[in-house]
Every structure is written in structure tokens, then in C-alpha cells.
Protein backbone atom coordinates (compact mmCIF):
# COMPACT_ATOMS: atom_id res chain seq x y z
CA MET A 1 39.33 -9.69 -2.96
CA ARG A 2 36.08 -9.42 -0.96
CA HIS A 3 33.61 -12.29 -1.56
CA VAL A 4 29.99 -11.37 -2.08
CA LEU A 5 27.08 -13.56 -0.97
CA PHE A 6 23.48 -12.92 -2.17
CA ALA A 7 20.56 -15.03 -1.34
CA MET A 8 18.97 -16.84 -4.34
CA SER A 9 21.54 -15.28 -6.69
CA VAL A 10 24.32 -16.16 -9.21
CA ALA A 11 27.45 -14.07 -9.04
CA THR A 12 29.89 -13.56 -11.78
CA THR A 13 33.26 -11.72 -11.32
CA LEU A 14 34.62 -9.80 -14.23
CA VAL A 15 38.34 -10.16 -13.76
CA VAL A 16 39.92 -7.08 -15.20
CA PRO A 17 43.69 -6.48 -15.12
CA THR A 18 44.24 -3.89 -12.42
CA VAL A 19 46.55 -0.91 -13.05
CA ALA A 20 47.24 -0.16 -9.48
CA SER A 21 47.35 -1.81 -6.14
CA ALA A 22 44.49 0.48 -4.98
CA ALA A 23 42.01 -1.13 -7.39
CA GLU A 24 38.63 -1.83 -5.77
CA THR A 25 35.98 -4.43 -6.38
CA VAL A 26 32.48 -3.01 -6.67
CA ALA A 27 29.51 -5.39 -6.57
CA ILE A 28 26.47 -4.45 -8.55
CA ALA A 29 22.98 -6.24 -8.56
CA CYS A 30 21.94 -6.51 -12.22
CA GLY A 31 18.48 -7.43 -13.56
CA THR A 32 17.85 -10.61 -15.47
CA VAL A 33 14.92 -9.93 -17.78
CA GLY A 34 15.65 -10.01 -21.52
CA LYS A 35 19.07 -8.62 -22.31
CA GLU A 36 19.49 -6.84 -18.94
CA PHE A 37 22.19 -8.99 -17.44
CA GLU A 38 24.25 -9.04 -20.66
CA LEU A 39 24.09 -5.30 -21.07
CA CYS A 40 24.82 -4.63 -17.47
CA LYS A 41 27.88 -6.91 -17.71
CA GLN A 42 29.08 -5.19 -20.85
CA GLY A 43 28.72 -1.60 -19.36
CA SER A 44 30.23 -2.60 -16.07
CA GLU A 45 33.19 -4.32 -17.76
CA ALA A 46 33.76 -1.19 -19.82
CA TRP A 47 33.82 0.86 -16.65
CA ALA A 48 36.18 -1.56 -14.96
CA LYS A 49 38.64 -1.38 -17.86
CA LYS A 50 38.51 2.34 -17.92
CA THR A 51 39.16 2.71 -14.21
CA GLY A 52 41.39 -0.25 -13.46
CA ASN A 53 38.88 -1.68 -10.94
CA GLU A 54 36.99 -4.87 -10.82
CA VAL A 55 33.27 -5.52 -10.83
CA LYS A 56 31.39 -8.38 -9.33
CA LEU A 57 27.88 -8.92 -10.96
CA VAL A 58 25.06 -10.31 -8.87
CA SER A 59 21.70 -11.39 -10.12
CA GLY A 60 18.68 -12.13 -7.91
CA PRO A 61 15.00 -13.29 -8.27
CA THR A 62 13.29 -12.22 -11.50
CA ASP A 63 10.14 -11.35 -9.51
CA ALA A 64 10.47 -7.71 -8.32
CA SER A 65 8.62 -8.28 -5.02
CA GLU A 66 11.03 -11.12 -4.21
CA GLN A 67 13.97 -8.88 -5.05
CA LEU A 68 12.70 -6.15 -2.76
CA THR A 69 12.33 -8.66 0.14
CA VAL A 70 15.88 -9.87 -0.25
CA PHE A 71 17.25 -6.29 -0.62
CA GLN A 72 15.29 -5.19 2.48
CA GLN A 73 16.79 -8.01 4.43
CA GLN A 74 20.28 -7.26 3.26
CA LEU A 75 20.08 -3.48 3.81
CA SER A 76 18.35 -3.80 7.23
CA ALA A 77 21.24 -6.04 8.34
CA GLY A 78 23.72 -3.31 7.30
CA SER A 79 25.37 -5.73 4.86
CA SER A 80 28.19 -4.41 2.69
CA ASP A 81 27.91 -7.34 0.23
CA ILE A 82 26.29 -5.19 -2.49
CA ASP A 83 27.61 -1.78 -3.41
CA VAL A 84 25.29 -0.81 -6.19
CA PHE A 85 21.61 -1.68 -6.17
CA ARG A 86 19.30 -1.80 -9.20
CA VAL A 87 16.18 0.01 -7.76
CA ASP A 88 12.71 -0.12 -9.07
CA ILE A 89 10.95 3.14 -9.68
CA ILE A 90 8.62 2.45 -6.69
CA TRP A 91 11.50 1.67 -4.22
CA PRO A 92 13.21 4.98 -3.38
CA GLY A 93 10.57 5.78 -0.73
CA ILE A 94 11.00 2.28 0.77
CA LEU A 95 14.69 1.86 0.52
CA GLY A 96 16.02 5.45 0.40
CA ALA A 97 17.16 5.59 3.94
CA HIS A 98 19.84 2.91 3.16
CA PHE A 99 21.42 4.73 0.19
CA ILE A 100 23.89 7.58 0.02
CA ASP A 101 23.14 11.00 -1.47
CA LEU A 102 24.65 10.99 -5.01
CA LYS A 103 24.58 14.77 -5.36
CA PRO A 104 28.31 15.14 -4.20
CA TYR A 105 29.33 12.67 -6.94
CA ILE A 106 27.28 13.69 -9.92
CA SER A 107 27.02 17.29 -11.10
CA ASP A 108 23.82 19.20 -11.50
CA ASP A 109 24.16 19.64 -15.18
CA VAL A 110 24.36 15.83 -15.60
CA VAL A 111 21.32 15.24 -13.35
CA GLN A 112 19.32 17.84 -15.20
CA GLN A 113 19.67 15.93 -18.55
CA HIS A 114 17.31 13.21 -17.09
CA PHE A 115 13.54 13.32 -17.02
CA PRO A 116 12.66 15.75 -14.11
CA ALA A 117 9.76 13.56 -12.90
CA ILE A 118 12.10 10.65 -12.27
CA VAL A 119 14.73 12.77 -10.61
CA LYS A 120 11.97 14.03 -8.27
CA ASN A 121 10.81 10.52 -7.69
CA ASN A 122 14.37 9.51 -6.69
CA THR A 123 14.80 12.40 -4.39
CA VAL A 124 13.98 11.54 -0.75
CA ASP A 125 14.23 14.11 2.04
CA GLY A 126 16.34 16.27 -0.21
CA LYS A 127 18.82 13.48 -1.13
CA LEU A 128 19.25 12.04 -4.55
CA VAL A 129 19.20 8.44 -3.55
CA ALA A 130 19.18 6.90 -7.05
CA MET A 131 20.14 7.95 -10.59
CA PRO A 132 17.71 7.12 -13.51
CA TRP A 133 18.99 4.25 -15.57
CA PHE A 134 16.08 3.46 -17.91
CA THR A 135 12.42 4.25 -17.90
CA ASP A 136 9.44 2.21 -18.98
CA ALA A 137 5.74 2.31 -19.67
CA GLY A 138 3.45 -0.46 -20.81
CA VAL A 139 2.86 -0.58 -24.56
CA LEU A 140 0.87 -2.72 -26.94
CA TYR A 141 2.64 -4.99 -29.37
CA TYR A 142 0.68 -6.41 -32.37
CA ARG A 143 1.35 -8.66 -35.39
CA SER A 144 1.35 -6.19 -38.21
CA ASP A 145 1.34 -8.94 -40.79
CA LEU A 146 -1.83 -10.59 -39.35
CA LEU A 147 -3.74 -7.31 -38.95
CA GLU A 148 -3.02 -6.52 -42.59
CA LYS A 149 -3.94 -10.04 -43.75
CA HIS A 150 -7.34 -9.78 -42.06
CA GLY A 151 -8.01 -6.11 -42.96
CA GLN A 152 -7.69 -4.84 -39.30
CA LYS A 153 -5.90 -1.96 -37.75
CA PRO A 154 -4.37 -1.37 -34.34
CA PRO A 155 -7.17 -0.90 -31.72
CA ALA A 156 -7.92 2.42 -30.19
CA THR A 157 -10.00 1.03 -27.30
CA TRP A 158 -10.05 -2.19 -25.27
CA GLU A 159 -13.31 -3.10 -26.88
CA GLU A 160 -11.79 -2.88 -30.31
CA LEU A 161 -8.85 -5.00 -29.14
CA ALA A 162 -11.00 -7.75 -27.89
CA ALA A 163 -13.10 -7.80 -31.15
CA THR A 164 -9.93 -7.67 -33.42
CA ALA A 165 -8.21 -10.32 -31.31
CA LYS A 166 -11.09 -12.62 -31.48
CA LEU A 167 -11.49 -12.22 -35.23
CA VAL A 168 -7.87 -12.90 -36.08
CA GLN A 169 -7.55 -15.55 -33.56
CA ASP A 170 -10.47 -17.56 -34.78
CA ALA A 171 -9.50 -17.01 -38.56
CA GLU A 172 -5.96 -18.27 -37.82
CA ARG A 173 -7.14 -21.29 -35.82
CA LYS A 174 -9.53 -22.13 -38.71
CA ALA A 175 -6.59 -21.92 -41.12
CA GLY A 176 -4.60 -24.47 -39.01
CA ASN A 177 -2.80 -22.73 -36.26
CA ASP A 178 -4.64 -24.10 -33.17
CA LYS A 179 -2.08 -22.45 -30.85
CA MET A 180 -3.05 -18.97 -31.89
CA VAL A 181 -4.49 -16.65 -29.08
CA GLY A 182 -5.67 -13.14 -29.30
CA PHE A 183 -4.02 -11.34 -26.41
CA VAL A 184 -1.36 -12.20 -23.84
CA PHE A 185 -0.39 -10.09 -20.86
CA GLU A 186 1.09 -10.40 -17.41
CA ALA A 187 -1.62 -11.61 -15.00
CA LYS A 188 0.42 -13.56 -12.42
CA ALA A 189 -0.31 -12.28 -8.92
CA ALA A 190 2.85 -10.35 -8.73
CA GLU A 191 3.93 -6.66 -9.21
CA THR A 192 3.53 -6.99 -12.93
CA LEU A 193 -0.22 -7.52 -12.44
CA THR A 194 -0.40 -4.37 -10.32
CA CYS A 195 1.03 -2.59 -13.45
CA ASN A 196 -1.35 -4.14 -15.89
CA ALA A 197 -4.41 -3.58 -13.70
CA LEU A 198 -3.49 0.03 -12.95
CA GLU A 199 -3.38 0.69 -16.80
CA TRP A 200 -6.88 -0.72 -17.20
CA ILE A 201 -8.26 1.19 -14.37
CA ASP A 202 -6.67 4.48 -15.29
CA SER A 203 -7.64 4.16 -18.89
CA PHE A 204 -11.25 3.92 -17.81
CA GLY A 205 -10.80 6.95 -15.55
CA GLY A 206 -10.98 4.91 -12.42
CA GLY A 207 -8.07 6.51 -10.62
CA SER A 208 -4.79 5.06 -9.29
CA ILE A 209 -5.81 3.03 -6.15
CA VAL A 210 -4.72 5.64 -3.80
CA ALA A 211 -4.95 9.34 -4.58
CA ASP A 212 -2.08 11.77 -4.05
CA ASP A 213 -3.73 13.05 -0.88
CA GLY A 214 -3.70 9.55 0.62
CA LYS A 215 -7.38 8.81 0.17
CA VAL A 216 -8.20 5.23 -1.02
CA THR A 217 -10.22 5.42 -4.28
CA ILE A 218 -10.25 1.98 -5.64
CA ASP A 219 -13.96 1.17 -5.09
CA ASN A 220 -15.56 3.09 -7.85
CA PRO A 221 -17.76 2.14 -10.97
CA LYS A 222 -14.99 2.94 -13.50
CA ALA A 223 -12.48 0.72 -11.75
CA ILE A 224 -15.03 -2.11 -11.46
CA LYS A 225 -15.80 -1.86 -15.17
CA ALA A 226 -12.06 -2.01 -16.05
CA ILE A 227 -11.45 -5.17 -14.05
CA GLN A 228 -14.68 -6.68 -15.41
CA THR A 229 -13.51 -5.96 -18.94
CA ALA A 230 -10.19 -7.65 -18.28
CA ALA A 231 -11.85 -10.72 -16.71
CA SER A 232 -13.84 -11.15 -19.94
CA TRP A 233 -10.69 -11.84 -21.92
CA ILE A 234 -9.79 -14.94 -19.97
CA GLY A 235 -10.86 -18.02 -21.87
CA THR A 236 -11.96 -16.04 -24.91
CA ILE A 237 -8.96 -14.06 -26.41
CA SER A 238 -6.50 -14.92 -23.64
CA PRO A 239 -5.56 -18.40 -22.53
CA GLN A 240 -5.93 -19.49 -18.89
CA GLY A 241 -2.15 -19.62 -18.77
CA VAL A 242 -1.88 -15.77 -18.65
CA LEU A 243 -2.94 -16.11 -14.99
CA ASN A 244 0.58 -17.31 -14.34
CA TYR A 245 2.47 -15.13 -16.87
CA GLU A 246 5.00 -12.52 -15.99
CA GLU A 247 6.81 -10.50 -18.74
CA GLU A 248 8.86 -13.39 -20.18
CA GLY A 249 5.83 -15.75 -20.23
CA ALA A 250 3.88 -13.40 -22.34
CA ARG A 251 6.79 -12.61 -24.58
CA GLY A 252 7.54 -16.27 -25.12
CA VAL A 253 4.04 -16.81 -26.53
CA PHE A 254 3.97 -13.72 -28.70
CA GLN A 255 7.57 -14.07 -29.98
CA SER A 256 6.87 -17.75 -30.95
CA GLY A 257 4.19 -16.36 -33.36
CA ASN A 258 1.19 -17.55 -31.35
CA ALA A 259 -0.44 -14.33 -30.27
CA VAL A 260 -2.04 -11.39 -32.06
CA PHE A 261 -1.52 -8.82 -29.38
CA MET A 262 0.69 -8.51 -26.33
CA ARG A 263 1.04 -6.01 -23.48
CA ASN A 264 4.66 -5.66 -22.29
CA TRP A 265 7.44 -3.24 -21.71
CA PRO A 266 9.71 -1.72 -24.49
CA TYR A 267 12.54 -4.21 -23.83
CA ALA A 268 10.57 -6.91 -25.71
CA TRP A 269 11.03 -4.95 -29.02
CA ALA A 270 14.71 -5.75 -29.49
CA LEU A 271 14.18 -9.36 -28.69
CA SER A 272 11.24 -9.57 -31.16
CA GLN A 273 13.53 -8.24 -33.87
CA ALA A 274 16.48 -10.57 -33.20
CA PRO A 275 17.71 -12.57 -36.28
CA ASP A 276 16.32 -15.79 -34.91
CA SER A 277 12.91 -14.33 -33.88
CA PRO A 278 9.96 -15.97 -35.69
CA VAL A 279 8.19 -12.62 -35.77
CA LYS A 280 11.06 -10.46 -36.91
CA GLY A 281 9.69 -7.75 -39.21
CA LYS A 282 6.08 -8.65 -38.37
CA VAL A 283 5.58 -6.54 -35.26
CA GLY A 284 4.23 -3.10 -34.51
CA VAL A 285 4.08 -1.10 -31.26
CA VAL A 286 1.42 1.46 -30.26
CA ALA A 287 0.16 3.05 -27.09
CA LEU A 288 -2.18 0.82 -25.02
CA PRO A 289 -5.98 1.10 -25.85
CA LYS A 290 -8.28 3.64 -24.21
CA GLY A 291 -11.05 2.59 -21.86
CA GLY A 292 -13.77 3.46 -24.29
CA ALA A 293 -14.41 6.54 -26.33
CA ASP A 294 -14.23 8.80 -23.27
CA GLY A 295 -11.25 7.11 -21.78
CA LYS A 296 -7.57 7.56 -22.27
CA SER A 297 -4.47 5.57 -23.14
CA SER A 298 -2.54 4.72 -20.00
CA GLY A 299 0.79 3.06 -19.49
CA THR A 300 2.05 2.28 -15.99
CA LEU A 301 5.35 4.06 -15.16
CA GLY A 302 8.12 1.55 -14.80
CA GLY A 303 11.87 1.69 -15.04
CA TRP A 304 14.90 1.13 -12.92
CA ASN A 305 17.49 3.24 -11.16
CA LEU A 306 20.89 2.77 -9.69
CA ALA A 307 21.69 3.47 -6.01
CA VAL A 308 24.78 3.14 -3.70
CA SER A 309 24.42 1.41 -0.36
CA LYS A 310 25.43 3.53 2.60
CA TYR A 311 26.96 0.36 4.03
CA SER A 312 29.31 0.06 1.03
CA LYS A 313 33.08 0.10 1.68
CA HIS A 314 33.58 1.45 -1.77
CA GLN A 315 31.17 4.38 -2.00
CA LYS A 316 33.23 6.69 -4.24
CA ALA A 317 33.94 3.96 -6.82
CA ALA A 318 30.41 2.70 -6.70
CA ALA A 319 29.15 6.19 -7.29
CA ASP A 320 31.54 6.53 -10.27
CA LEU A 321 30.14 3.20 -11.71
CA VAL A 322 26.58 4.57 -11.30
CA LYS A 323 27.55 7.75 -13.02
CA TYR A 324 29.04 5.83 -16.00
CA LEU A 325 26.13 3.35 -16.32
CA THR A 326 23.52 6.11 -16.39
CA SER A 327 25.48 8.44 -18.71
CA SER A 328 24.12 9.53 -22.08
CA GLU A 329 26.66 7.28 -24.01
CA GLU A 330 25.74 4.22 -22.02
CA GLN A 331 21.98 4.85 -22.17
CA LYS A 332 22.28 5.20 -25.94
CA ARG A 333 24.14 1.92 -26.27
CA ARG A 334 21.48 0.18 -24.13
CA ALA A 335 18.65 1.78 -26.21
CA ILE A 336 20.15 0.55 -29.52
CA GLN A 337 21.04 -2.90 -28.37
CA GLY A 338 18.27 -3.73 -25.92
CA SER A 339 15.39 -1.27 -26.43
CA PHE A 340 15.80 0.14 -22.91
CA ASN A 341 14.20 3.54 -22.81
CA PRO A 342 16.56 6.34 -22.01
CA THR A 343 15.87 8.73 -19.22
CA ILE A 344 17.66 11.47 -21.10
CA THR A 345 15.25 13.48 -23.32
CA SER A 346 17.79 14.36 -26.06
CA LEU A 347 18.26 10.65 -26.86
CA TYR A 348 14.63 10.43 -28.16
CA LYS A 349 15.78 12.57 -31.08
CA ASP A 350 18.95 10.59 -31.74
CA PRO A 351 18.79 9.07 -35.36
CA GLU A 352 20.54 5.90 -34.31
CA VAL A 353 18.25 5.33 -31.32
CA LEU A 354 15.15 5.97 -33.40
CA LYS A 355 16.37 3.68 -36.20
CA ALA A 356 16.69 0.82 -33.72
CA ASN A 357 13.36 1.75 -31.96
CA PRO A 358 11.05 3.53 -34.42
CA PHE A 359 8.27 3.74 -31.76
CA PHE A 360 10.41 5.72 -29.24
CA GLY A 361 9.61 9.02 -30.99
CA THR A 362 5.90 8.48 -31.49
CA LEU A 363 5.29 7.25 -27.95
CA LEU A 364 7.51 9.81 -26.08
CA ASP A 365 4.28 11.18 -24.56
CA THR A 366 3.36 7.75 -23.27
CA PHE A 367 6.82 7.51 -21.63
CA THR A 368 6.80 10.93 -20.11
CA ASN A 369 3.27 10.95 -18.83
CA ALA A 370 2.86 7.41 -17.60
CA VAL A 371 0.58 6.78 -14.61
CA ALA A 372 2.57 6.23 -11.42
CA ARG A 373 1.80 3.55 -8.83
CA PRO A 374 0.89 4.95 -5.43
CA ALA A 375 4.27 4.22 -3.99
CA LYS A 376 5.25 7.67 -2.89
CA VAL A 377 2.03 8.44 -0.96
CA THR A 378 1.84 5.00 0.70
CA GLY A 379 5.59 4.78 1.50
CA ALA A 380 6.82 1.74 3.38
CA LYS A 381 3.23 0.32 3.13
CA TYR A 382 3.38 0.20 -0.70
CA SER A 383 4.34 -3.50 -0.85
CA ARG A 384 1.28 -4.44 1.20
CA VAL A 385 -0.94 -2.17 -0.85
CA SER A 386 0.21 -3.67 -4.12
CA SER A 387 -0.02 -7.27 -2.77
CA ASP A 388 -3.66 -6.69 -1.63
CA PHE A 389 -4.55 -5.01 -4.87
CA ARG A 390 -3.12 -7.58 -7.29
CA ASN A 391 -4.55 -10.49 -5.21
CA ALA A 392 -7.99 -8.99 -5.38
CA VAL A 393 -7.65 -8.43 -9.14
CA HIS A 394 -6.27 -11.93 -9.69
CA SER A 395 -9.17 -13.53 -7.92
CA VAL A 396 -11.55 -11.69 -10.32
CA LEU A 397 -9.54 -12.77 -13.37
CA SER A 398 -9.46 -16.33 -12.20
CA GLY A 399 -13.18 -16.33 -11.63
CA SER A 400 -13.21 -16.85 -7.98
CA GLY A 401 -14.60 -13.42 -7.07
CA LYS A 402 -16.79 -10.55 -8.42
CA PRO A 403 -15.15 -7.17 -9.10
CA GLU A 404 -17.73 -5.19 -7.14
CA GLU A 405 -17.19 -7.34 -4.08
CA LYS A 406 -13.46 -7.62 -4.24
CA LEU A 407 -12.83 -3.90 -4.75
CA LYS A 408 -15.28 -3.01 -2.00
CA ASP A 409 -13.33 -5.34 0.37
CA LEU A 410 -10.04 -3.91 -0.83
CA GLN A 411 -11.34 -0.40 -0.18
CA LYS A 412 -12.02 -1.23 3.43
CA LYS A 413 -8.71 -3.04 3.88
CA LEU A 414 -6.60 -0.21 2.48
CA THR A 415 -8.57 2.54 4.30
CA ALA A 416 -7.86 0.79 7.54
CA MET A 417 -4.20 0.37 6.57
CA SER A 418 -4.01 4.08 5.68
CA LYS A 419 -5.08 5.33 9.07
CA LYS A 420 -7.67 7.67 7.43
CA GLY A 421 -5.35 8.80 4.58
CA LYS A 422 -2.21 9.50 6.78
CA TRP A 423 -0.28 6.40 5.86
């Protein structure tokens, strides 16, 4: 059996009795946030039993940027250690040249069941380099019991969120819970902050950092107002600790019962409703607030896909695993057990899926019309764009810079990087 090595990772081999000597071992890189690894293991094991093959599960860094760096190193070296890669929605343009075309392995009628926008995103130079596995968009979680207790309703704007969060936070602290905070979100200087900040800016009508035509648009009054608004939360309704929170940091505070509101991805729903969750039955989910009366609700497009390395020695078996894991049946199981948003439209009408995730139906528009990060237009330079963007935003949130100055500097830096919009 081939041994797989992966930097900064933990590997688990699922030993499945083989039915033939031709059995192959397929290595798949799984995610580790929430129930991801567990569900990936279960799905991969089911495929292995069905086909008589074996699967080696590999987990890497939780930080998406660190994952990308490791994957780039492996793929650039032509390593065959990983057969199936878990690919962020923003990576096809960056890593696509290292993946096989899945069209010969997955029929058109199956591909067409998935959200067209994601299939288009995963198509590079005419090749389907990744299959949609689950989609995401940022949503707002709230303590339904606390809002009802204090006569409040879910906020429609960021201004309303700040006011409601402060009111409930102060009242709960006065009543004895000195750990209560108004709002937790992901403000660590990582890709997760890029997602949060893009939501704020887009909700105020401030664009998406770089426009589809390649022009840098970040230095504008609405973007400045959005970042200024977010900075006002730190130390008032949000603890200083959010400056180092990723998804799990924010979820930990909210699920322990010590936050009124939380911005996160849909995966956090199933965990909040687990039998041992302190907030089970006390949580609601709505679209993120608008940037004022003239603004809009905006969730950043997230989600992950599965791709097969062109350096794999088991391409056919690996493609079959991808086909199985992205199937309607498997996506339904993951939606029910882990709140992972399907990429297949019909599942948003499935009674069992909606029973497990009541907000899937009402927020379908949020998931299908989420704002995309400028990964496609910036291509291989996206990682640098995102890093410069989130670092500028983080400096404002931490009080070490003014938004108008930081965004002006960022505009100059990205414009130079873009070669006048050519990228």
C-alpha cells in the first residue's frame, strides 16, 4: 500500500476489506472545521465499501491560506501523495492547471444538477477541474430567546444590529452574566476576514475590491464607511478577542451562550442544535444585515469542491470517489447531519433537509446570489490581493490605522499589482 505524507497533517487509513487484488488506495484531503472530517470519513468509507477500494484520509491546517500554500507546494512538485483535493471556491483559477478534467468521468446530466454559477466557477479553460461539494454564504445567527426576552427582533441593518446587541448585552450583564457580548465574528487577519469585510463593503454598495473588468475599486466612500462601522463594534458590542477569531473561535463563544449575535457559515447550525449544546432550541438564522436603508444584505460566496490531481496514479478511482461524494444522496446526508449547503437545487425543497435546516428554504436567495471574492479576475495573484486587503482591514479594526488612509494605500498597491487592470 502506498504511504502518504502531508505537511502539517494527520492521516487516517480506513482499512476496508478488499474484494479483489486490483483494489486501489485513494488519498483524499478532508476539511477539519465542525463535522467536516467526520462526514468526509463516513462518505469515503461508504464509497470504499461499495467499490472494494481503500481510502486514506488526510487533514491539513484549518486556515485556508495555509492549506493553499501547502497544496501549491505539493502540486508544484508533481507529488502523487494526494489524489483528491478539497478545493476552496476561490482556488480553481489558482490550482486548476494541476487538476484533471472531470467531464469524461461525470455525465452532463449529473453536472447540470448543480448550481450553474459554481460549475462555471470550477470550469477553467473549458475543463471542469472540480465538482461542487457544498456551498456557503455568510449568515447571521441570533439568540431568539434573548431577543424575545428583551422585546427585540432580528436586525435589518448593521445599525440596528449594533443597537440591539448593545441593549441585550448590557441588560444581560446587569442581570449577572458578565461574559455576555453583543456580536462575535471572524476578524483574524486570515481569509475569513476577507469574507467578513467583503460582506460589509458590498452591503453598503462599496463594490468587491476589484471589479470584473480588473479595475481596483476599493478606495471609495461607501467602502470606507463599511470598515468604519465595523471598527466601531470592537470594544463596544464585540470583545477585543474577535481580532483573533476564525470560525470556530466565534462559534465557541456563541454556542457557550455568551453572545447575542454571530456571523458564521451554515455549518454552525447543526452544532448549535446538538444535544449537548447550551443554546439548543434558542437560535435563529437570518440573512446578514443591510448597509443602511439604501443598502443590501450580502453574504460572501464560500463553499468547497473536490478535484483530482493530474499527478495521481489512481485518477479513475479518484474521480469515482469525487462523483460519489458530490452526489445528491451524499449531499443530502451531509445537509441533514452537518448543515452543509447542497449545490444541488432540488435538495432545497427536500422535506428532510428543510426539517433539519429550516433556514435553507428562506435563505436560498442568499446562497444563490452571494457576492464572489475577486479570485477569478485576479487569478494567481488573488492570494496577495486578499492578504493585502485583510491586513489593511485588520489594522483599522485594531485601531492602528484609519480606514480612509488604509484603503487609499491599498488602492495604490493593488493598482500597481494589477498592471493597470490586466492582472
